[in-house]
Structure formats: C-alpha cells, structure tokens
Amino acid sequence: MRLSFLAVLPLVVACAASIDPAMRASIDQQVAALKPSDQVYPAPTTKTPMPLSPGQWTKIKLVDKSGRPSFMTYKVIGQEGDASWIEMVTESYSGRTVIKMLVAYGDRTDPKQVDIRHAIAKIRDNAPIDYQGPMLAIVQGTFKEVAKGLVVQWEGLPQETKKVPAGVFTDAYKADTEVSFYGFSSRAKVWSHSAVPVQGLVHSENEDGSTLDLVDFGLSGATSEL
C-alpha cells in the first residue's frame, strides 16, 4: 500500500512557500474550533472501500514535522462514465491550492490502473490552469501520484481501533506504507476504515513526525471550488 495522497504536500510547498497572514489566521481559527466527536463507528464488514459517489467528502488535519497545521479536503464532485471528478483543496499557512481531476480508477486496488483524463489546478490567487491533451501529457505523472491516494488495498492488514477528531473507528485497518514523490521516500503507519468515504483515511503517522487526522466527513454535499 502506497500513501500517495501525501504527495501533494511537496507540490504545495514548492508553489507557495511564503506565509499568508490571513490564511495563517484562518488555519489557527479552524484548529481552535475543532471539537472531537464521540461517535463510535463499528468494525468494518468489508475489506473494500466505499464506492466513489458524487457528494462525498473528507476533511483531514495535517501537522508537519515543525508543528505547523494545515487542512486538506477531498471531494467527489461528479461522474463521467467510468471516471470520477475528484477535487483536493489544501489550506496552509502559505495559501489555498485546489486540484481537480477526472480520474478512472478501475477496481481501485492497482496504481497502474489510474488514468488521468483531465486536470485543473489553482494555486493561491492565480488563475486556474486547465490541463488537457498534450499539456496534460506533460504533467500526467505528477497528477497521477496525487490521484493514487485513492487506491486502496486492505486485504490481509491487521486491525486496530483508532480515535481521531471525527470519532472512534473500531478495528480500523492498519498499514505500514511508503510515501514517495519526486525522489523523496519515507515510511508511515496509516489507519483506514470502510465507514469513511473517498480514500478511507482515519489517521497517519509519518516517520518524520508529521501526522494526519480525519476531522470530519460526509456522504453528500460536496461542491466544487473551481
């Protein structure tokens, strides 16, 4: 199992390194307003993820190795044939990044099946860039690394209950996995649960000390910001 959804973080840092005071205030306010849920989710009855469906969303809090928080929201905002429109919104001290992709995942167990058919990216206040045709082919690898965060393989994994701000997830699947992006590689422990839509993420602990926690999710209501 490969933790590719973390791959978007170096991309964001590279494109938006300076601190935006307004975004920093917004992030800090969101962190202060977090209220942990006592909702208990029963043990999974399946080793496969919830099927992707328009309207689903998850919100994840990230804390980097320096202790700086940020948030990432994953959304399913549409469907075209066998492909889903997936949107990822990253809010950090540096600004807001939105990546929207039309992706066919096959059975969602094999990274080689991931097919990026269209992508749009918006970095901070810059105009969105629409990647299609030859332009998409140039950056296909980068977007594919981001999209592979929704490839899920839980068969044979140990299970462990995990409590995060979104609730208590009984017998979540626990994986020791690899993070990789443009030559960077690291290890992480990741907990996932079938009650969570999109990528199923509950919690992650990276060997560099960074963490991810599910803070909220829903099965409907997701809308695009592009």
Foldseek 3Di string as FASTA:
>chain_A
DAQLLCQCVVVLCVQFVDFDVVLLVVQVVVVVPQAADADEDDAAPDQAADDDDAAWKFKKWKADLVRFIKIKMWGFHADDVQWTWIWIWIRGRRAIKIKIWTWHCVRLADLVSIDTAWMWIDRHPDDIDTAHDPSCVVCVVSVSSNLNNQRGGQPPFFFDWDGFRAHIYHRFGWDWHWYDYPHDIWIKIWTAGNVHHRRRGAKMATPSGMIMHTNHIDDRDDHDPD
